[in-house]
Amino acid sequence: MNDRKRGLKYTAYANGTIPIYLLIDPHAEGCPPMTLFTEPTGTRYTYERVVPFGKELRLPEPFDAVVTDSSRFAGPVPAWLR
């Protein structure tokens, strides 16, 4: 999948200096993560925070009032449904 970590979107967003990239990956093996990438350099992100589903993730400014509560998300998608 091209949207996953270090895929096409990651590269395009880092190159475009998109300040915040939140990746929610319900297809990941094991405990699905939410990954927050910030501080783009033009080629990559310098900061990465990974939080498993079920935990809260507070976004940085200017979205610092937003807390992503993944405990309300659906669980992992079974392999046979992908």
N, C-alpha and C. Protein backbone atom coordinates (compact mmCIF):
# COMPACT_ATOMS: atom_id res chain seq x y z
N MET A 1 0.85 -1.18 0.00
CA MET A 1 0.00 0.00 0.00
C MET A 1 0.90 1.24 0.00
N ASN A 2 0.65 2.16 -0.88
CA ASN A 2 1.49 3.34 -1.04
C ASN A 2 1.32 4.38 0.05
N ASP A 3 0.26 4.30 0.83
CA ASP A 3 0.03 5.29 1.87
C ASP A 3 0.78 4.97 3.15
N ARG A 4 1.34 3.81 3.25
CA ARG A 4 2.00 3.40 4.48
C ARG A 4 3.29 4.16 4.71
N LYS A 5 3.83 3.94 5.88
CA LYS A 5 5.04 4.62 6.32
C LYS A 5 6.15 4.56 5.26
N ARG A 6 6.71 5.69 4.97
CA ARG A 6 7.79 5.85 3.99
C ARG A 6 7.35 5.56 2.56
N GLY A 7 6.05 5.61 2.30
CA GLY A 7 5.51 5.38 0.96
C GLY A 7 5.43 6.66 0.16
N LEU A 8 4.63 6.62 -0.89
CA LEU A 8 4.52 7.76 -1.80
C LEU A 8 3.96 9.00 -1.12
N LYS A 9 2.93 8.85 -0.29
CA LYS A 9 2.37 10.03 0.38
C LYS A 9 3.37 10.65 1.35
N TYR A 10 4.07 9.81 2.11
CA TYR A 10 5.08 10.31 3.05
C TYR A 10 6.09 11.16 2.30
N THR A 11 6.61 10.63 1.21
CA THR A 11 7.62 11.34 0.43
C THR A 11 7.06 12.64 -0.16
N ALA A 12 5.86 12.56 -0.72
CA ALA A 12 5.26 13.76 -1.33
C ALA A 12 4.97 14.83 -0.28
N TYR A 13 4.45 14.43 0.87
CA TYR A 13 4.13 15.40 1.92
C TYR A 13 5.41 16.01 2.50
N ALA A 14 6.43 15.21 2.71
CA ALA A 14 7.70 15.74 3.22
C ALA A 14 8.33 16.69 2.21
N ASN A 15 8.30 16.31 0.93
CA ASN A 15 8.85 17.18 -0.12
C ASN A 15 8.07 18.48 -0.22
N GLY A 16 6.77 18.43 0.00
CA GLY A 16 5.94 19.62 -0.06
C GLY A 16 5.91 20.39 1.25
N THR A 17 6.70 19.95 2.21
CA THR A 17 6.78 20.52 3.56
C THR A 17 5.41 20.69 4.22
N ILE A 18 4.57 19.67 4.05
CA ILE A 18 3.29 19.61 4.76
C ILE A 18 3.63 19.46 6.24
N PRO A 19 3.22 20.39 7.10
CA PRO A 19 3.72 20.42 8.48
C PRO A 19 3.31 19.24 9.36
N ILE A 20 2.13 18.66 9.11
CA ILE A 20 1.66 17.56 9.95
C ILE A 20 1.09 16.48 9.05
N TYR A 21 1.57 15.26 9.24
CA TYR A 21 1.06 14.11 8.49
C TYR A 21 0.68 13.06 9.52
N LEU A 22 -0.61 12.73 9.60
CA LEU A 22 -1.10 11.72 10.53
C LEU A 22 -1.49 10.49 9.73
N LEU A 23 -0.83 9.39 9.99
CA LEU A 23 -1.08 8.13 9.31
C LEU A 23 -1.78 7.19 10.29
N ILE A 24 -2.98 6.76 9.93
CA ILE A 24 -3.72 5.79 10.72
C ILE A 24 -3.75 4.52 9.89
N ASP A 25 -3.14 3.46 10.41
CA ASP A 25 -2.91 2.25 9.61
C ASP A 25 -3.63 1.04 10.20
N PRO A 26 -4.92 0.83 9.85
CA PRO A 26 -5.64 -0.31 10.40
C PRO A 26 -5.20 -1.64 9.81
N HIS A 27 -4.37 -1.62 8.78
CA HIS A 27 -3.92 -2.85 8.14
C HIS A 27 -2.58 -3.35 8.67
N ALA A 28 -1.98 -2.63 9.59
CA ALA A 28 -0.68 -3.03 10.13
C ALA A 28 -0.81 -4.32 10.92
N GLU A 29 0.24 -5.09 10.92
CA GLU A 29 0.27 -6.34 11.67
C GLU A 29 0.26 -6.04 13.16
N GLY A 30 -0.32 -6.91 13.94
CA GLY A 30 -0.32 -6.75 15.39
C GLY A 30 -1.22 -5.63 15.83
N CYS A 31 -0.70 -4.74 16.61
CA CYS A 31 -1.47 -3.62 17.15
C CYS A 31 -1.41 -2.45 16.17
N PRO A 32 -2.51 -2.12 15.51
CA PRO A 32 -2.48 -1.03 14.52
C PRO A 32 -2.08 0.29 15.15
N PRO A 33 -1.20 1.02 14.48
CA PRO A 33 -0.74 2.29 15.04
C PRO A 33 -1.32 3.52 14.37
N MET A 34 -1.21 4.62 15.08
CA MET A 34 -1.36 5.95 14.50
C MET A 34 0.04 6.53 14.56
N THR A 35 0.51 7.07 13.46
CA THR A 35 1.84 7.66 13.42
C THR A 35 1.72 9.13 13.04
N LEU A 36 2.28 9.98 13.87
CA LEU A 36 2.26 11.42 13.63
C LEU A 36 3.66 11.85 13.20
N PHE A 37 3.74 12.42 12.00
CA PHE A 37 5.00 12.94 11.47
C PHE A 37 4.91 14.46 11.49
N THR A 38 5.96 15.13 11.98
CA THR A 38 6.02 16.59 11.98
C THR A 38 7.45 17.03 11.66
N GLU A 39 7.60 18.32 11.50
CA GLU A 39 8.89 18.96 11.22
C GLU A 39 9.54 18.44 9.93
N PRO A 40 8.88 18.68 8.78
CA PRO A 40 9.45 18.24 7.51
C PRO A 40 10.68 19.05 7.12
N THR A 41 11.63 18.38 6.46
CA THR A 41 12.85 19.04 6.02
C THR A 41 12.84 19.34 4.52
N GLY A 42 11.84 18.82 3.83
CA GLY A 42 11.82 18.91 2.37
C GLY A 42 12.14 17.58 1.73
N THR A 43 12.68 16.65 2.51
CA THR A 43 12.93 15.29 2.03
C THR A 43 12.37 14.23 2.97
N ARG A 44 12.24 14.58 4.25
CA ARG A 44 11.72 13.63 5.24
C ARG A 44 11.18 14.41 6.44
N TYR A 45 10.56 13.69 7.37
CA TYR A 45 10.10 14.29 8.62
C TYR A 45 11.12 13.99 9.71
N THR A 46 11.39 14.97 10.55
CA THR A 46 12.40 14.77 11.60
C THR A 46 11.81 14.25 12.89
N TYR A 47 10.49 14.36 13.05
CA TYR A 47 9.85 13.90 14.28
C TYR A 47 8.77 12.89 13.93
N GLU A 48 8.75 11.79 14.68
CA GLU A 48 7.76 10.74 14.45
C GLU A 48 7.29 10.23 15.81
N ARG A 49 5.99 10.17 16.01
CA ARG A 49 5.44 9.62 17.24
C ARG A 49 4.44 8.55 16.87
N VAL A 50 4.62 7.35 17.43
CA VAL A 50 3.75 6.22 17.15
C VAL A 50 2.94 5.91 18.41
N VAL A 51 1.62 5.79 18.22
CA VAL A 51 0.71 5.50 19.32
C VAL A 51 -0.18 4.35 18.88
N PRO A 52 -0.31 3.28 19.66
CA PRO A 52 -1.18 2.17 19.28
C PRO A 52 -2.66 2.55 19.39
N PHE A 53 -3.50 1.87 18.63
CA PHE A 53 -4.94 2.07 18.75
C PHE A 53 -5.33 1.87 20.20
N GLY A 54 -6.26 2.67 20.66
CA GLY A 54 -6.72 2.59 22.04
C GLY A 54 -6.13 3.68 22.91
N LYS A 55 -5.10 4.36 22.40
CA LYS A 55 -4.46 5.45 23.12
C LYS A 55 -4.84 6.78 22.47
N GLU A 56 -4.73 7.85 23.24
CA GLU A 56 -5.00 9.18 22.71
C GLU A 56 -3.74 9.79 22.12
N LEU A 57 -3.92 10.64 21.13
CA LEU A 57 -2.81 11.34 20.50
C LEU A 57 -3.22 12.80 20.33
N ARG A 58 -2.50 13.70 20.98
CA ARG A 58 -2.77 15.14 20.86
C ARG A 58 -1.94 15.68 19.69
N LEU A 59 -2.61 16.39 18.80
CA LEU A 59 -1.93 16.97 17.66
C LEU A 59 -1.21 18.25 18.07
N PRO A 60 -0.13 18.60 17.37
CA PRO A 60 0.61 19.83 17.70
C PRO A 60 -0.14 21.07 17.20
N GLU A 61 0.38 22.25 17.56
CA GLU A 61 -0.20 23.50 17.09
C GLU A 61 -0.20 23.53 15.57
N PRO A 62 -1.15 24.08 14.92
CA PRO A 62 -2.27 24.86 15.44
C PRO A 62 -3.47 24.00 15.79
N PHE A 63 -3.31 22.68 15.80
CA PHE A 63 -4.41 21.76 16.09
C PHE A 63 -4.34 21.20 17.50
N ASP A 64 -3.64 21.88 18.40
CA ASP A 64 -3.35 21.33 19.72
C ASP A 64 -4.59 21.09 20.57
N ALA A 65 -5.72 21.62 20.17
CA ALA A 65 -6.96 21.34 20.91
C ALA A 65 -7.58 20.01 20.45
N VAL A 66 -7.03 19.42 19.39
CA VAL A 66 -7.57 18.18 18.85
C VAL A 66 -6.85 16.99 19.48
N VAL A 67 -7.64 16.10 20.06
CA VAL A 67 -7.11 14.86 20.60
C VAL A 67 -7.76 13.72 19.83
N THR A 68 -6.95 12.86 19.24
CA THR A 68 -7.47 11.73 18.50
C THR A 68 -7.59 10.56 19.46
N ASP A 69 -8.83 10.16 19.73
CA ASP A 69 -9.10 9.04 20.64
C ASP A 69 -9.38 7.81 19.80
N SER A 70 -8.38 7.00 19.60
CA SER A 70 -8.52 5.84 18.72
C SER A 70 -9.24 4.67 19.38
N SER A 71 -9.58 4.77 20.64
CA SER A 71 -10.30 3.68 21.28
C SER A 71 -11.68 3.51 20.64
N ARG A 72 -12.13 4.52 19.93
CA ARG A 72 -13.43 4.46 19.25
C ARG A 72 -13.32 3.92 17.83
N PHE A 73 -12.11 3.73 17.33
CA PHE A 73 -11.91 3.23 15.98
C PHE A 73 -12.21 1.74 15.93
N ALA A 74 -12.56 1.28 14.75
CA ALA A 74 -12.73 -0.16 14.56
C ALA A 74 -11.38 -0.85 14.71
N GLY A 75 -11.40 -2.08 15.07
CA GLY A 75 -10.16 -2.85 15.25
C GLY A 75 -9.51 -3.16 13.91
N PRO A 76 -8.45 -3.97 13.96
CA PRO A 76 -7.72 -4.32 12.74
C PRO A 76 -8.63 -5.02 11.73
N VAL A 77 -8.38 -4.81 10.47
CA VAL A 77 -9.14 -5.45 9.41
C VAL A 77 -8.53 -6.84 9.18
N PRO A 78 -9.35 -7.89 9.26
CA PRO A 78 -8.81 -9.23 9.03
C PRO A 78 -8.19 -9.35 7.64
N ALA A 79 -7.15 -10.16 7.51
CA ALA A 79 -6.44 -10.29 6.23
C ALA A 79 -7.37 -10.74 5.11
N TRP A 80 -8.34 -11.57 5.41
CA TRP A 80 -9.22 -12.08 4.35
C TRP A 80 -10.17 -11.00 3.80
N LEU A 81 -10.30 -9.87 4.50
CA LEU A 81 -11.14 -8.78 4.02
C LEU A 81 -10.36 -7.72 3.24
N ARG A 82 -9.06 -7.79 3.26
CA ARG A 82 -8.26 -6.77 2.57
C ARG A 82 -8.23 -6.99 1.11
